[in-house]
Every structure is written in structure tokens, then in C-alpha cells.
Protein backbone atom coordinates (compact mmCIF):
# COMPACT_ATOMS: atom_id res chain seq x y z
CA UNK A 1 -33.55 -168.15 -34.70
CA UNK A 2 -30.99 -166.98 -32.11
CA UNK A 3 -27.31 -167.73 -32.62
CA UNK A 4 -24.97 -167.37 -30.02
CA UNK A 5 -21.09 -166.81 -29.97
CA UNK A 6 -19.29 -167.97 -26.77
CA UNK A 7 -15.25 -167.03 -26.90
CA UNK A 8 -13.87 -168.71 -24.25
CA UNK A 9 -10.70 -168.22 -22.07
CA UNK A 10 -9.20 -171.69 -21.52
CA UNK A 11 -6.38 -171.82 -19.01
CA UNK A 12 -2.73 -172.30 -20.71
CA UNK A 13 -2.01 -175.86 -20.49
CA UNK A 14 -5.67 -177.21 -20.05
CA UNK A 15 -6.40 -177.62 -23.60
CA UNK A 16 -6.70 -180.71 -23.94
CA UNK A 17 -8.81 -181.49 -21.05
CA UNK A 18 -10.84 -178.34 -21.86
CA UNK A 19 -11.54 -180.37 -25.60
CA UNK A 20 -12.29 -183.34 -23.83
CA UNK A 21 -14.93 -181.70 -21.58
CA UNK A 22 -16.44 -179.39 -24.47
CA UNK A 23 -16.96 -182.07 -27.00
CA UNK A 24 -18.65 -184.51 -24.50
CA UNK A 25 -21.09 -181.24 -23.91
CA UNK A 26 -21.58 -180.59 -27.50
CA UNK A 27 -22.55 -184.51 -27.96
CA UNK A 28 -25.33 -184.44 -25.37
CA UNK A 29 -26.64 -180.84 -26.43
CA UNK A 30 -26.91 -182.55 -30.05
CA UNK A 31 -28.37 -185.28 -28.86
CA UNK A 32 -31.15 -183.64 -26.18
CA UNK A 33 -31.81 -180.65 -27.34
CA UNK A 34 -34.36 -180.48 -30.42
CA UNK A 35 -34.39 -176.74 -30.44
CA UNK A 36 -30.83 -176.27 -31.01
CA UNK A 37 -29.62 -176.51 -34.68
CA UNK A 38 -26.00 -176.18 -34.08
CA UNK A 39 -23.32 -176.27 -31.17
CA UNK A 40 -19.77 -176.48 -32.30
CA UNK A 41 -16.54 -175.79 -30.73
CA UNK A 42 -14.00 -174.02 -33.32
CA UNK A 43 -10.54 -172.79 -32.67
CA UNK A 44 -8.79 -170.10 -34.40
CA UNK A 45 -5.61 -169.63 -36.01
CA UNK A 46 -3.98 -168.01 -32.34
CA UNK A 47 -5.46 -171.20 -30.78
CA UNK A 48 -8.66 -169.24 -28.95
CA UNK A 49 -11.80 -171.50 -28.55
CA UNK A 50 -15.25 -170.13 -29.24
CA UNK A 51 -18.61 -171.75 -29.41
CA UNK A 52 -20.69 -171.27 -32.25
CA UNK A 53 -24.87 -172.30 -31.06
CA UNK A 54 -27.93 -171.86 -33.00
CA UNK A 55 -31.30 -171.89 -31.38
CA UNK A 56 -34.90 -172.33 -33.22
CA UNK A 57 -36.39 -169.72 -30.82
CA UNK A 58 -36.03 -168.06 -27.22
CA UNK A 59 -37.65 -171.15 -25.41
CA UNK A 60 -34.77 -173.60 -27.33
CA UNK A 61 -32.29 -171.31 -25.83
CA UNK A 62 -33.62 -171.31 -22.14
CA UNK A 63 -33.94 -175.11 -22.28
CA UNK A 64 -30.33 -175.52 -23.16
CA UNK A 65 -29.46 -173.32 -20.23
CA UNK A 66 -31.67 -175.02 -17.83
CA UNK A 67 -31.14 -178.74 -19.05
CA UNK A 68 -29.62 -181.17 -16.80
CA UNK A 69 -26.52 -182.33 -18.88
CA UNK A 70 -25.63 -178.44 -19.17
CA UNK A 71 -26.21 -177.88 -15.42
CA UNK A 72 -23.83 -180.87 -14.94
CA UNK A 73 -21.08 -179.86 -16.92
CA UNK A 74 -19.84 -177.09 -15.01
CA UNK A 75 -17.76 -179.52 -12.81
CA UNK A 76 -16.11 -180.82 -16.12
CA UNK A 77 -14.94 -177.40 -16.73
CA UNK A 78 -13.56 -176.83 -13.33
CA UNK A 79 -9.62 -175.40 -13.24
CA UNK A 80 -9.83 -175.39 -16.81
CA UNK A 81 -10.92 -171.66 -17.51
CA UNK A 82 -8.99 -168.62 -17.11
CA UNK A 83 -12.00 -166.18 -16.86
CA UNK A 84 -15.50 -165.64 -17.83
CA UNK A 85 -16.84 -166.29 -21.32
CA UNK A 86 -17.23 -163.39 -23.90
CA UNK A 87 -20.91 -164.11 -24.94
CA UNK A 88 -22.91 -162.42 -28.01
CA UNK A 89 -26.23 -163.15 -28.49
CA UNK A 90 -27.50 -162.59 -32.13
CA UNK A 91 -30.55 -162.56 -34.12
CA UNK A 92 -30.64 -164.55 -37.29
CA UNK A 93 -31.61 -162.23 -40.77
CA UNK A 94 -31.56 -164.87 -42.84
């Protein structure tokens, strides 16, 4: 399995719009990607956002990036981000 942690830089004052767009995308990922086992939005004590993701294999991760709902979601994040995400990719050990 492959885990991904994406730390997202949301523009100040855009949090509610970001959450709406991200939760919409998360619902589509869960409904349409059988190789995805976890796709959830989290927020730390400082208000910083991250997405925790879990995929069965490389093919499932690739399918996520190529999915129509993922590609289409880009427009809904326009103006909401304050920079590129910091993405960590991990191999699940157990």
C-alpha cells in the first residue's frame, strides 16, 4: 500500500470555500476510486490543512491523478491556495 500526506497551503480568509471544494472532491474520490482506501481532510491545532490518502498500489495512485473528477476539481481551488502543496509519499509497512 501507498500512503500520501499532502500539506495544503490555503489562502487566509478562504478556509470555508476551500473546505467545501475539498470535501466535494473527497466524496468523489471515495465514490469512484476502488483502489483508494482513505482520502480525508484534516486540520491541525494551528488551522493548517492536510489530506491523508491511502492507495492499494501504484496503479490506484496513478488512477487517482488521472481521474476526471480530480482533473476537474482544479478549477474549484482557483484563488483558494497560497502556494504549492507539500506532498509526502510513504510506503505502508504494516
